[in-house]
């Protein structure tokens, strides 16, 4: 995939502020991470556990403002459980982003959701 029609990338850094309440809503958060989209890439092109288990970083390719609206709706469900900081990346100085599209059913987040449903 050479250049998908992405307007910019949004880096999200999320820290759990209330672990107990976050765990009660964890399924909604994970469903957003593995949610399928009609775009050429996955919802998040990177999910990293930089400060596991209480901190995570995501890279969200933004195709249009609907992506931001959907993200805000997800974060409203997680209200009072995480603190999120954003960084909007309009271009890179060196190199390119590694965009991908993989089957979300093989991800760790998907396996966690399956275990929560048992």
PDB file of N, CA and C in Angstrom:
ATOM      1  N   UNK A   1       0.868  -1.173   0.000  1.00  0.00           N
ATOM      2  CA  UNK A   1       0.000   0.000   0.000  1.00  0.00           C
ATOM      3  C   UNK A   1       0.907   1.225   0.000  1.00  0.00           C
ATOM      4  N   UNK A   2       0.870   2.007  -1.057  1.00  0.00           N
ATOM      5  CA  UNK A   2       1.801   3.119  -1.150  1.00  0.00           C
ATOM      6  C   UNK A   2       1.321   4.350  -0.385  1.00  0.00           C
ATOM      7  N   UNK A   3       0.253   4.981  -0.826  1.00  0.00           N
ATOM      8  CA  UNK A   3      -0.210   6.200  -0.158  1.00  0.00           C
ATOM      9  C   UNK A   3      -1.730   6.209  -0.040  1.00  0.00           C
ATOM     10  N   UNK A   4      -2.249   5.718   1.070  1.00  0.00           N
ATOM     11  CA  UNK A   4      -3.694   5.809   1.256  1.00  0.00           C
ATOM     12  C   UNK A   4      -4.100   7.272   1.447  1.00  0.00           C
ATOM     13  N   UNK A   5      -5.356   7.611   1.195  1.00  0.00           N
ATOM     14  CA  UNK A   5      -5.801   9.012   1.248  1.00  0.00           C
ATOM     15  C   UNK A   5      -6.006   9.528   2.677  1.00  0.00           C
ATOM     16  N   UNK A   6      -4.936   9.521   3.441  1.00  0.00           N
ATOM     17  CA  UNK A   6      -4.987   9.950   4.846  1.00  0.00           C
ATOM     18  C   UNK A   6      -4.696  11.443   4.930  1.00  0.00           C
ATOM     19  N   UNK A   7      -5.529  12.158   5.690  1.00  0.00           N
ATOM     20  CA  UNK A   7      -5.324  13.604   5.857  1.00  0.00           C
ATOM     21  C   UNK A   7      -4.179  13.888   6.816  1.00  0.00           C
ATOM     22  N   UNK A   8      -4.146  13.146   7.929  1.00  0.00           N
ATOM     23  CA  UNK A   8      -3.070  13.270   8.910  1.00  0.00           C
ATOM     24  C   UNK A   8      -3.148  12.083   9.855  1.00  0.00           C
ATOM     25  N   UNK A   9      -2.143  11.935  10.690  1.00  0.00           N
ATOM     26  CA  UNK A   9      -2.128  10.887  11.707  1.00  0.00           C
ATOM     27  C   UNK A   9      -2.316  11.522  13.069  1.00  0.00           C
ATOM     28  N   UNK A  10      -3.000  10.815  13.919  1.00  0.00           N
ATOM     29  CA  UNK A  10      -3.238  11.286  15.277  1.00  0.00           C
ATOM     30  C   UNK A  10      -2.604  10.284  16.229  1.00  0.00           C
ATOM     31  N   UNK A  11      -1.683  10.767  17.036  1.00  0.00           N
ATOM     32  CA  UNK A  11      -1.062   9.912  18.042  1.00  0.00           C
ATOM     33  C   UNK A  11      -1.807  10.141  19.348  1.00  0.00           C
ATOM     34  N   UNK A  12      -2.286   9.048  19.935  1.00  0.00           N
ATOM     35  CA  UNK A  12      -3.022   9.103  21.201  1.00  0.00           C
ATOM     36  C   UNK A  12      -2.192   8.433  22.282  1.00  0.00           C
ATOM     37  N   UNK A  13      -1.992   9.128  23.371  1.00  0.00           N
ATOM     38  CA  UNK A  13      -1.307   8.563  24.518  1.00  0.00           C
ATOM     39  C   UNK A  13      -2.334   8.506  25.635  1.00  0.00           C
ATOM     40  N   UNK A  14      -2.680   7.307  26.059  1.00  0.00           N
ATOM     41  CA  UNK A  14      -3.734   7.130  27.061  1.00  0.00           C
ATOM     42  C   UNK A  14      -3.167   6.528  28.338  1.00  0.00           C
ATOM     43  N   UNK A  15      -3.551   7.108  29.461  1.00  0.00           N
ATOM     44  CA  UNK A  15      -3.138   6.626  30.777  1.00  0.00           C
ATOM     45  C   UNK A  15      -4.395   6.342  31.580  1.00  0.00           C
ATOM     46  N   UNK A  16      -4.442   5.160  32.190  1.00  0.00           N
ATOM     47  CA  UNK A  16      -5.585   4.829  33.043  1.00  0.00           C
ATOM     48  C   UNK A  16      -5.508   5.665  34.311  1.00  0.00           C
ATOM     49  N   UNK A  17      -6.582   6.359  34.616  1.00  0.00           N
ATOM     50  CA  UNK A  17      -6.635   7.163  35.836  1.00  0.00           C
ATOM     51  C   UNK A  17      -7.418   6.452  36.939  1.00  0.00           C
ATOM     52  N   UNK A  18      -8.265   5.521  36.559  1.00  0.00           N
ATOM     53  CA  UNK A  18      -9.028   4.710  37.512  1.00  0.00           C
ATOM     54  C   UNK A  18      -9.068   3.287  36.969  1.00  0.00           C
ATOM     55  N   UNK A  19      -8.136   2.482  37.425  1.00  0.00           N
ATOM     56  CA  UNK A  19      -7.973   1.133  36.887  1.00  0.00           C
ATOM     57  C   UNK A  19      -9.215   0.273  37.107  1.00  0.00           C
ATOM     58  N   UNK A  20      -9.818   0.364  38.261  1.00  0.00           N
ATOM     59  CA  UNK A  20     -11.003  -0.448  38.545  1.00  0.00           C
ATOM     60  C   UNK A  20     -12.135  -0.111  37.574  1.00  0.00           C
ATOM     61  N   UNK A  21     -12.430   1.168  37.406  1.00  0.00           N
ATOM     62  CA  UNK A  21     -13.506   1.573  36.497  1.00  0.00           C
ATOM     63  C   UNK A  21     -13.143   1.315  35.044  1.00  0.00           C
ATOM     64  N   UNK A  22     -11.851   1.449  34.699  1.00  0.00           N
ATOM     65  CA  UNK A  22     -11.417   1.137  33.344  1.00  0.00           C
ATOM     66  C   UNK A  22     -11.689  -0.333  33.035  1.00  0.00           C
ATOM     67  N   UNK A  23     -11.350  -1.212  33.959  1.00  0.00           N
ATOM     68  CA  UNK A  23     -11.556  -2.646  33.726  1.00  0.00           C
ATOM     69  C   UNK A  23     -13.027  -2.994  33.547  1.00  0.00           C
ATOM     70  N   UNK A  24     -13.925  -2.245  34.176  1.00  0.00           N
ATOM     71  CA  UNK A  24     -15.356  -2.466  33.982  1.00  0.00           C
ATOM     72  C   UNK A  24     -15.788  -2.107  32.551  1.00  0.00           C
ATOM     73  N   UNK A  25     -15.096  -1.151  31.943  1.00  0.00           N
ATOM     74  CA  UNK A  25     -15.435  -0.684  30.587  1.00  0.00           C
ATOM     75  C   UNK A  25     -14.419  -1.148  29.547  1.00  0.00           C
ATOM     76  N   UNK A  26     -13.500  -1.989  29.934  1.00  0.00           N
ATOM     77  CA  UNK A  26     -12.400  -2.406  29.064  1.00  0.00           C
ATOM     78  C   UNK A  26     -12.877  -2.988  27.735  1.00  0.00           C
ATOM     79  N   UNK A  27     -13.972  -3.723  27.765  1.00  0.00           N
ATOM     80  CA  UNK A  27     -14.477  -4.353  26.548  1.00  0.00           C
ATOM     81  C   UNK A  27     -14.806  -3.311  25.477  1.00  0.00           C
ATOM     82  N   UNK A  28     -15.419  -2.181  25.860  1.00  0.00           N
ATOM     83  CA  UNK A  28     -15.759  -1.127  24.896  1.00  0.00           C
ATOM     84  C   UNK A  28     -14.493  -0.557  24.261  1.00  0.00           C
ATOM     85  N   UNK A  29     -13.480  -0.388  25.087  1.00  0.00           N
ATOM     86  CA  UNK A  29     -12.204   0.131  24.603  1.00  0.00           C
ATOM     87  C   UNK A  29     -11.575  -0.833  23.600  1.00  0.00           C
ATOM     88  N   UNK A  30     -11.531  -2.115  23.931  1.00  0.00           N
ATOM     89  CA  UNK A  30     -10.928  -3.108  23.049  1.00  0.00           C
ATOM     90  C   UNK A  30     -11.734  -3.288  21.764  1.00  0.00           C
ATOM     91  N   UNK A  31     -13.050  -3.202  21.872  1.00  0.00           N
ATOM     92  CA  UNK A  31     -13.883  -3.299  20.664  1.00  0.00           C
ATOM     93  C   UNK A  31     -13.555  -2.172  19.689  1.00  0.00           C
ATOM     94  N   UNK A  32     -13.239  -0.996  20.210  1.00  0.00           N
ATOM     95  CA  UNK A  32     -12.850   0.108  19.340  1.00  0.00           C
ATOM     96  C   UNK A  32     -11.509  -0.179  18.672  1.00  0.00           C
ATOM     97  N   UNK A  33     -10.596  -0.781  19.411  1.00  0.00           N
ATOM     98  CA  UNK A  33      -9.265  -1.069  18.860  1.00  0.00           C
ATOM     99  C   UNK A  33      -9.351  -2.059  17.704  1.00  0.00           C
ATOM    100  N   UNK A  34     -10.181  -3.090  17.815  1.00  0.00           N
ATOM    101  CA  UNK A  34     -10.241  -4.130  16.778  1.00  0.00           C
ATOM    102  C   UNK A  34     -11.376  -3.915  15.777  1.00  0.00           C
ATOM    103  N   UNK A  35     -12.119  -2.828  15.929  1.00  0.00           N
ATOM    104  CA  UNK A  35     -13.257  -2.566  15.034  1.00  0.00           C
ATOM    105  C   UNK A  35     -12.802  -2.481  13.589  1.00  0.00           C
ATOM    106  N   UNK A  36     -13.543  -3.156  12.733  1.00  0.00           N
ATOM    107  CA  UNK A  36     -13.230  -3.132  11.306  1.00  0.00           C
ATOM    108  C   UNK A  36     -13.692  -1.805  10.700  1.00  0.00           C
ATOM    109  N   UNK A  37     -12.986  -1.350   9.690  1.00  0.00           N
ATOM    110  CA  UNK A  37     -13.327  -0.095   9.024  1.00  0.00           C
ATOM    111  C   UNK A  37     -13.452  -0.341   7.523  1.00  0.00           C
ATOM    112  N   UNK A  38     -13.984   0.645   6.835  1.00  0.00           N
ATOM    113  CA  UNK A  38     -14.071   0.546   5.378  1.00  0.00           C
ATOM    114  C   UNK A  38     -12.933   1.327   4.707  1.00  0.00           C
ATOM    115  N   UNK A  39     -11.864   1.547   5.461  1.00  0.00           N
ATOM    116  CA  UNK A  39     -10.697   2.254   4.940  1.00  0.00           C
ATOM    117  C   UNK A  39      -9.620   1.245   4.514  1.00  0.00           C
ATOM    118  N   UNK A  40      -8.611   1.704   3.798  1.00  0.00           N
ATOM    119  CA  UNK A  40      -7.549   0.790   3.359  1.00  0.00           C
ATOM    120  C   UNK A  40      -6.660   0.274   4.501  1.00  0.00           C
ATOM    121  N   UNK A  41      -6.762   0.880   5.695  1.00  0.00           N
ATOM    122  CA  UNK A  41      -5.944   0.464   6.836  1.00  0.00           C
ATOM    123  C   UNK A  41      -6.824   0.046   7.997  1.00  0.00           C
ATOM    124  N   UNK A  42      -6.197  -0.531   9.003  1.00  0.00           N
ATOM    125  CA  UNK A  42      -6.913  -0.832  10.238  1.00  0.00           C
ATOM    126  C   UNK A  42      -7.254   0.471  10.952  1.00  0.00           C
ATOM    127  N   UNK A  43      -8.147   0.385  11.920  1.00  0.00           N
ATOM    128  CA  UNK A  43      -8.547   1.566  12.702  1.00  0.00           C
ATOM    129  C   UNK A  43      -7.315   2.243  13.297  1.00  0.00           C
ATOM    130  N   UNK A  44      -6.473   1.460  13.933  1.00  0.00           N
ATOM    131  CA  UNK A  44      -5.204   1.966  14.471  1.00  0.00           C
ATOM    132  C   UNK A  44      -4.080   1.246  13.742  1.00  0.00           C
ATOM    133  N   UNK A  45      -3.119   2.002  13.237  1.00  0.00           N
ATOM    134  CA  UNK A  45      -2.002   1.362  12.542  1.00  0.00           C
ATOM    135  C   UNK A  45      -0.906   0.963  13.513  1.00  0.00           C
ATOM    136  N   UNK A  46      -1.013   1.443  14.754  1.00  0.00           N
ATOM    137  CA  UNK A  46      -0.075   1.035  15.788  1.00  0.00           C
ATOM    138  C   UNK A  46      -0.781   1.080  17.129  1.00  0.00           C
ATOM    139  N   UNK A  47      -0.599   0.039  17.897  1.00  0.00           N
ATOM    140  CA  UNK A  47      -1.032   0.017  19.286  1.00  0.00           C
ATOM    141  C   UNK A  47       0.156  -0.485  20.081  1.00  0.00           C
ATOM    142  N   UNK A  48       0.670   0.358  20.945  1.00  0.00           N
ATOM    143  CA  UNK A  48       1.854  -0.016  21.714  1.00  0.00           C
ATOM    144  C   UNK A  48       1.635   0.143  23.198  1.00  0.00           C
ATOM    145  N   UNK A  49       2.123  -0.817  23.952  1.00  0.00           N
ATOM    146  CA  UNK A  49       1.950  -0.778  25.407  1.00  0.00           C
ATOM    147  C   UNK A  49       3.200  -0.192  26.050  1.00  0.00           C
ATOM    148  N   UNK A  50       3.413   1.104  25.834  1.00  0.00           N
ATOM    149  CA  UNK A  50       4.625   1.782  26.289  1.00  0.00           C
ATOM    150  C   UNK A  50       4.793   1.745  27.798  1.00  0.00           C
ATOM    151  N   UNK A  51       3.725   1.771  28.516  1.00  0.00           N
ATOM    152  CA  UNK A  51       3.790   1.760  29.971  1.00  0.00           C
ATOM    153  C   UNK A  51       2.894   0.696  30.539  1.00  0.00           C
ATOM    154  N   UNK A  52       2.918  -0.473  29.926  1.00  0.00           N
ATOM    155  CA  UNK A  52       2.010  -1.554  30.319  1.00  0.00           C
ATOM    156  C   UNK A  52       2.099  -1.797  31.816  1.00  0.00           C
ATOM    157  N   UNK A  53       1.027  -2.092  32.461  1.00  0.00           N
ATOM    158  CA  UNK A  53      -0.303  -2.298  31.887  1.00  0.00           C
ATOM    159  C   UNK A  53      -1.207  -1.073  31.945  1.00  0.00           C
ATOM    160  N   UNK A  54      -0.692   0.091  32.350  1.00  0.00           N
ATOM    161  CA  UNK A  54      -1.569   1.238  32.586  1.00  0.00           C
ATOM    162  C   UNK A  54      -1.476   2.348  31.551  1.00  0.00           C
ATOM    163  N   UNK A  55      -0.587   2.223  30.595  1.00  0.00           N
ATOM    164  CA  UNK A  55      -0.428   3.249  29.569  1.00  0.00           C
ATOM    165  C   UNK A  55      -0.366   2.589  28.199  1.00  0.00           C
ATOM    166  N   UNK A  56      -0.905   3.284  27.196  1.00  0.00           N
ATOM    167  CA  UNK A  56      -0.889   2.753  25.834  1.00  0.00           C
ATOM    168  C   UNK A  56      -0.773   3.915  24.854  1.00  0.00           C
ATOM    169  N   UNK A  57      -0.193   3.624  23.704  1.00  0.00           N
ATOM    170  CA  UNK A  57      -0.095   4.625  22.647  1.00  0.00           C
ATOM    171  C   UNK A  57      -0.726   4.029  21.388  1.00  0.00           C
ATOM    172  N   UNK A  58      -1.504   4.847  20.687  1.00  0.00           N
ATOM    173  CA  UNK A  58      -2.145   4.438  19.437  1.00  0.00           C
ATOM    174  C   UNK A  58      -1.799   5.451  18.355  1.00  0.00           C
ATOM    175  N   UNK A  59      -1.717   4.970  17.120  1.00  0.00           N
ATOM    176  CA  UNK A  59      -1.611   5.866  15.969  1.00  0.00           C
ATOM    177  C   UNK A  59      -2.847   5.627  15.118  1.00  0.00           C
ATOM    178  N   UNK A  60      -3.634   6.675  14.962  1.00  0.00           N
ATOM    179  CA  UNK A  60      -4.894   6.622  14.213  1.00  0.00           C
ATOM    180  C   UNK A  60      -4.752   7.412  12.921  1.00  0.00           C
ATOM    181  N   UNK A  61      -4.852   6.739  11.760  1.00  0.00           N
ATOM    182  CA  UNK A  61      -4.866   7.494  10.511  1.00  0.00           C
ATOM    183  C   UNK A  61      -6.235   8.156  10.335  1.00  0.00           C
ATOM    184  N   UNK A  62      -6.237   9.447  10.101  1.00  0.00           N
ATOM    185  CA  UNK A  62      -7.488  10.195   9.976  1.00  0.00           C
ATOM    186  C   UNK A  62      -7.759  10.449   8.495  1.00  0.00           C
ATOM    187  N   UNK A  63      -8.844   9.855   8.017  1.00  0.00           N
ATOM    188  CA  UNK A  63      -9.246  10.027   6.618  1.00  0.00           C
ATOM    189  C   UNK A  63     -10.183  11.219   6.468  1.00  0.00           C
ATOM    190  N   UNK A  64     -11.085  11.382   7.437  1.00  0.00           N
ATOM    191  CA  UNK A  64     -11.988  12.538   7.445  1.00  0.00           C
ATOM    192  C   UNK A  64     -12.404  12.798   8.884  1.00  0.00           C
ATOM    193  N   UNK A  65     -13.152  13.847   9.095  1.00  0.00           N
ATOM    194  CA  UNK A  65     -13.512  14.249  10.453  1.00  0.00           C
ATOM    195  C   UNK A  65     -14.429  13.239  11.149  1.00  0.00           C
ATOM    196  N   UNK A  66     -15.062  12.359  10.390  1.00  0.00           N
ATOM    197  CA  UNK A  66     -15.888  11.296  10.980  1.00  0.00           C
ATOM    198  C   UNK A  66     -15.036  10.392  11.873  1.00  0.00           C
ATOM    199  N   UNK A  67     -13.773  10.182  11.498  1.00  0.00           N
ATOM    200  CA  UNK A  67     -12.862   9.379  12.312  1.00  0.00           C
ATOM    201  C   UNK A  67     -12.689   9.997  13.694  1.00  0.00           C
ATOM    202  N   UNK A  68     -12.576  11.313  13.747  1.00  0.00           N
ATOM    203  CA  UNK A  68     -12.414  12.011  15.026  1.00  0.00           C
ATOM    204  C   UNK A  68     -13.700  11.925  15.838  1.00  0.00           C
ATOM    205  N   UNK A  69     -14.850  12.072  15.195  1.00  0.00           N
ATOM    206  CA  UNK A  69     -16.137  11.972  15.885  1.00  0.00           C
ATOM    207  C   UNK A  69     -16.302  10.588  16.513  1.00  0.00           C
ATOM    208  N   UNK A  70     -15.955   9.547  15.758  1.00  0.00           N
ATOM    209  CA  UNK A  70     -16.045   8.185  16.285  1.00  0.00           C
ATOM    210  C   UNK A  70     -15.112   7.988  17.468  1.00  0.00           C
ATOM    211  N   UNK A  71     -13.917   8.545  17.379  1.00  0.00           N
ATOM    212  CA  UNK A  71     -12.966   8.449  18.476  1.00  0.00           C
ATOM    213  C   UNK A  71     -13.495   9.155  19.723  1.00  0.00           C
ATOM    214  N   UNK A  72     -14.053  10.337  19.547  1.00  0.00           N
ATOM    215  CA  UNK A  72     -14.614  11.072  20.680  1.00  0.00           C
ATOM    216  C   UNK A  72     -15.745  10.291  21.341  1.00  0.00           C
ATOM    217  N   UNK A  73     -16.584   9.636  20.540  1.00  0.00           N
ATOM    218  CA  UNK A  73     -17.675   8.836  21.100  1.00  0.00           C
ATOM    219  C   UNK A  73     -17.142   7.672  21.935  1.00  0.00           C
ATOM    220  N   UNK A  74     -16.085   7.042  21.451  1.00  0.00           N
ATOM    221  CA  UNK A  74     -15.470   5.949  22.214  1.00  0.00           C
ATOM    222  C   UNK A  74     -14.891   6.465  23.514  1.00  0.00           C
ATOM    223  N   UNK A  75     -14.198   7.591  23.454  1.00  0.00           N
ATOM    224  CA  UNK A  75     -13.569   8.129  24.658  1.00  0.00           C
ATOM    225  C   UNK A  75     -14.608   8.604  25.665  1.00  0.00           C
ATOM    226  N   UNK A  76     -15.778   9.035  25.203  1.00  0.00           N
ATOM    227  CA  UNK A  76     -16.845   9.413  26.129  1.00  0.00           C
ATOM    228  C   UNK A  76     -17.308   8.218  26.944  1.00  0.00           C
ATOM    229  N   UNK A  77     -17.314   7.023  26.322  1.00  0.00           N
ATOM    230  CA  UNK A  77     -17.675   5.807  27.057  1.00  0.00           C
ATOM    231  C   UNK A  77     -16.653   5.493  28.139  1.00  0.00           C
ATOM    232  N   UNK A  78     -15.421   5.929  27.925  1.00  0.00           N
ATOM    233  CA  UNK A  78     -14.345   5.664  28.869  1.00  0.00           C
ATOM    234  C   UNK A  78     -14.134   6.835  29.835  1.00  0.00           C
ATOM    235  N   UNK A  79     -15.059   7.757  29.835  1.00  0.00           N
ATOM    236  CA  UNK A  79     -14.971   8.969  30.652  1.00  0.00           C
ATOM    237  C   UNK A  79     -14.593   8.632  32.097  1.00  0.00           C
ATOM    238  N   UNK A  80     -13.717   9.418  32.654  1.00  0.00           N
ATOM    239  CA  UNK A  80     -13.259   9.290  34.040  1.00  0.00           C
ATOM    240  C   UNK A  80     -12.453   8.021  34.310  1.00  0.00           C
ATOM    241  N   UNK A  81     -12.037   7.307  33.268  1.00  0.00           N
ATOM    242  CA  UNK A  81     -11.204   6.129  33.498  1.00  0.00           C
ATOM    243  C   UNK A  81      -9.828   6.267  32.845  1.00  0.00           C
ATOM    244  N   UNK A  82      -9.731   7.118  31.806  1.00  0.00           N
ATOM    245  CA  UNK A  82      -8.441   7.346  31.156  1.00  0.00           C
ATOM    246  C   UNK A  82      -8.237   8.828  30.885  1.00  0.00           C
ATOM    247  N   UNK A  83      -6.991   9.208  30.819  1.00  0.00           N
ATOM    248  CA  UNK A  83      -6.617  10.562  30.409  1.00  0.00           C
ATOM    249  C   UNK A  83      -5.892  10.421  29.079  1.00  0.00           C
ATOM    250  N   UNK A  84      -6.310  11.189  28.088  1.00  0.00           N
ATOM    251  CA  UNK A  84      -5.749  11.049  26.750  1.00  0.00           C
ATOM    252  C   UNK A  84      -5.091  12.354  26.315  1.00  0.00           C
ATOM    253  N   UNK A  85      -3.904  12.217  25.758  1.00  0.00           N
ATOM    254  CA  UNK A  85      -3.205  13.349  25.150  1.00  0.00           C
ATOM    255  C   UNK A  85      -3.089  13.051  23.665  1.00  0.00           C
ATOM    256  N   UNK A  86      -3.221  14.077  22.840  1.00  0.00           N
ATOM    257  CA  UNK A  86      -3.205  13.940  21.381  1.00  0.00           C
ATOM    258  C   UNK A  86      -2.014  14.670  20.788  1.00  0.00           C
ATOM    259  N   UNK A  87      -1.536  14.141  19.689  1.00  0.00           N
ATOM    260  CA  UNK A  87      -0.534  14.823  18.891  1.00  0.00           C
ATOM    261  C   UNK A  87      -0.903  14.617  17.434  1.00  0.00           C
ATOM    262  N   UNK A  88      -1.140  15.712  16.734  1.00  0.00           N
ATOM    263  CA  UNK A  88      -1.523  15.648  15.331  1.00  0.00           C
ATOM    264  C   UNK A  88      -0.256  15.729  14.477  1.00  0.00           C
ATOM    265  N   UNK A  89      -0.059  14.730  13.608  1.00  0.00           N
ATOM    266  CA  UNK A  89       1.130  14.664  12.766  1.00  0.00           C
ATOM    267  C   UNK A  89       0.698  14.908  11.321  1.00  0.00           C
ATOM    268  N   UNK A  90       1.110  16.036  10.778  1.00  0.00           N
ATOM    269  CA  UNK A  90       0.721  16.404   9.422  1.00  0.00           C
ATOM    270  C   UNK A  90       1.680  15.845   8.369  1.00  0.00           C
ATOM    271  N   UNK A  91       2.959  15.731   8.709  1.00  0.00           N
ATOM    272  CA  UNK A  91       3.928  15.179   7.769  1.00  0.00           C
ATOM    273  C   UNK A  91       5.136  14.674   8.549  1.00  0.00           C
ATOM    274  N   UNK A  92       5.930  13.831   7.891  1.00  0.00           N
ATOM    275  CA  UNK A  92       7.148  13.334   8.510  1.00  0.00           C
ATOM    276  C   UNK A  92       8.346  13.954   7.811  1.00  0.00           C
ATOM    277  N   UNK A  93       9.417  14.130   8.562  1.00  0.00           N
ATOM    278  CA  UNK A  93      10.619  14.731   8.008  1.00  0.00           C
ATOM    279  C   UNK A  93      11.420  13.685   7.232  1.00  0.00           C
ATOM    280  N   UNK A  94      11.570  12.519   7.833  1.00  0.00           N
ATOM    281  CA  UNK A  94      12.335  11.444   7.199  1.00  0.00           C
ATOM    282  C   UNK A  94      11.507  10.171   7.227  1.00  0.00           C
ATOM    283  N   UNK A  95      11.458   9.460   6.124  1.00  0.00           N
ATOM    284  CA  UNK A  95      10.762   8.178   6.069  1.00  0.00           C
ATOM    285  C   UNK A  95       9.267   8.327   5.848  1.00  0.00           C
ATOM    286  N   UNK A  96       8.567   7.202   5.959  1.00  0.00           N
ATOM    287  CA  UNK A  96       7.116   7.180   5.792  1.00  0.00           C
ATOM    288  C   UNK A  96       6.497   6.281   6.844  1.00  0.00           C
ATOM    289  N   UNK A  97       5.223   6.490   7.083  1.00  0.00           N
ATOM    290  CA  UNK A  97       4.483   5.643   8.010  1.00  0.00           C
ATOM    291  C   UNK A  97       4.291   4.262   7.382  1.00  0.00           C
ATOM    292  N   UNK A  98       4.305   3.244   8.201  1.00  0.00           N
ATOM    293  CA  UNK A  98       4.084   1.882   7.718  1.00  0.00           C
ATOM    294  C   UNK A  98       2.633   1.483   7.888  1.00  0.00           C
ATOM    295  N   UNK A  99       1.801   1.797   6.926  1.00  0.00           N
ATOM    296  CA  UNK A  99       0.379   1.486   7.014  1.00  0.00           C
ATOM    297  C   UNK A  99       0.135   0.020   6.700  1.00  0.00           C
ATOM    298  N   UNK A 100      -0.894  -0.536   7.317  1.00  0.00           N
ATOM    299  CA  UNK A 100      -1.186  -1.948   7.101  1.00  0.00           C
ATOM    300  C   UNK A 100      -2.669  -2.222   7.241  1.00  0.00           C
ATOM    301  N   UNK A 101      -3.031  -3.382   6.790  1.00  0.00           N
ATOM    302  CA  UNK A 101      -4.397  -3.880   6.956  1.00  0.00           C
ATOM    303  C   UNK A 101      -4.262  -5.363   7.276  1.00  0.00           C
ATOM    304  N   UNK A 102      -4.539  -5.722   8.532  1.00  0.00           N
ATOM    305  CA  UNK A 102      -4.449  -7.122   8.928  1.00  0.00           C
ATOM    306  C   UNK A 102      -5.801  -7.584   9.461  1.00  0.00           C
ATOM    307  N   UNK A 103      -5.930  -8.864   9.562  1.00  0.00           N
ATOM    308  CA  UNK A 103      -7.140  -9.470  10.120  1.00  0.00           C
ATOM    309  C   UNK A 103      -7.121  -9.274  11.633  1.00  0.00           C
ATOM    310  N   UNK A 104      -8.078  -8.504  12.158  1.00  0.00           N
ATOM    311  CA  UNK A 104      -8.101  -8.206  13.585  1.00  0.00           C
ATOM    312  C   UNK A 104      -8.358  -9.429  14.462  1.00  0.00           C
ATOM    313  N   UNK A 105      -8.877 -10.500  13.879  1.00  0.00           N
ATOM    314  CA  UNK A 105      -9.168 -11.686  14.693  1.00  0.00           C
ATOM    315  C   UNK A 105      -7.901 -12.409  15.142  1.00  0.00           C
ATOM    316  N   UNK A 106      -6.742 -12.026  14.609  1.00  0.00           N
ATOM    317  CA  UNK A 106      -5.499 -12.649  15.053  1.00  0.00           C
ATOM    318  C   UNK A 106      -4.749 -11.791  16.069  1.00  0.00           C
ATOM    319  N   UNK A 107      -5.336 -10.692  16.496  1.00  0.00           N
ATOM    320  CA  UNK A 107      -4.667  -9.793  17.430  1.00  0.00           C
ATOM    321  C   UNK A 107      -4.911 -10.196  18.878  1.00  0.00           C
ATOM    322  N   UNK A 108      -4.022  -9.741  19.735  1.00  0.00           N
ATOM    323  CA  UNK A 108      -4.161 -10.020  21.173  1.00  0.00           C
ATOM    324  C   UNK A 108      -5.431  -9.375  21.727  1.00  0.00           C
ATOM    325  N   UNK A 109      -5.758  -8.165  21.271  1.00  0.00           N
ATOM    326  CA  UNK A 109      -6.957  -7.482  21.754  1.00  0.00           C
ATOM    327  C   UNK A 109      -8.208  -8.305  21.455  1.00  0.00           C
ATOM    328  N   UNK A 110      -8.252  -8.914  20.287  1.00  0.00           N
ATOM    329  CA  UNK A 110      -9.411  -9.729  19.920  1.00  0.00           C
ATOM    330  C   UNK A 110      -9.511 -10.947  20.828  1.00  0.00           C
ATOM    331  N   UNK A 111      -8.368 -11.582  21.114  1.00  0.00           N
ATOM    332  CA  UNK A 111      -8.377 -12.746  22.019  1.00  0.00           C
ATOM    333  C   UNK A 111      -8.845 -12.352  23.421  1.00  0.00           C
ATOM    334  N   UNK A 112      -8.472 -11.170  23.868  1.00  0.00           N
ATOM    335  CA  UNK A 112      -8.924 -10.700  25.187  1.00  0.00           C
ATOM    336  C   UNK A 112     -10.435 -10.521  25.183  1.00  0.00           C
ATOM    337  N   UNK A 113     -10.989  -9.925  24.120  1.00  0.00           N
ATOM    338  CA  UNK A 113     -12.440  -9.743  24.021  1.00  0.00           C
ATOM    339  C   UNK A 113     -13.140 -11.103  24.069  1.00  0.00           C
ATOM    340  N   UNK A 114     -12.597 -12.085  23.346  1.00  0.00           N
ATOM    341  CA  UNK A 114     -13.197 -13.421  23.365  1.00  0.00           C
ATOM    342  C   UNK A 114     -13.196 -14.000  24.773  1.00  0.00           C
ATOM    343  N   UNK A 115     -12.120 -13.788  25.508  1.00  0.00           N
ATOM    344  CA  UNK A 115     -12.064 -14.331  26.880  1.00  0.00           C
ATOM    345  C   UNK A 115     -13.031 -13.604  27.811  1.00  0.00           C
ATOM    346  N   UNK A 116     -13.275 -12.310  27.555  1.00  0.00           N
ATOM    347  CA  UNK A 116     -14.238 -11.555  28.368  1.00  0.00           C
ATOM    348  C   UNK A 116     -15.667 -12.027  28.121  1.00  0.00           C
ATOM    349  N   UNK A 117     -15.926 -12.572  26.934  1.00  0.00           N
ATOM    350  CA  UNK A 117     -17.267 -13.036  26.589  1.00  0.00           C
ATOM    351  C   UNK A 117     -17.576 -14.432  27.124  1.00  0.00           C
ATOM    352  N   UNK A 118     -16.588 -15.114  27.665  1.00  0.00           N
ATOM    353  CA  UNK A 118     -16.822 -16.481  28.166  1.00  0.00           C
ATOM    354  C   UNK A 118     -17.456 -16.472  29.527  1.00  0.00           C
TER     355      UNK A 118
END
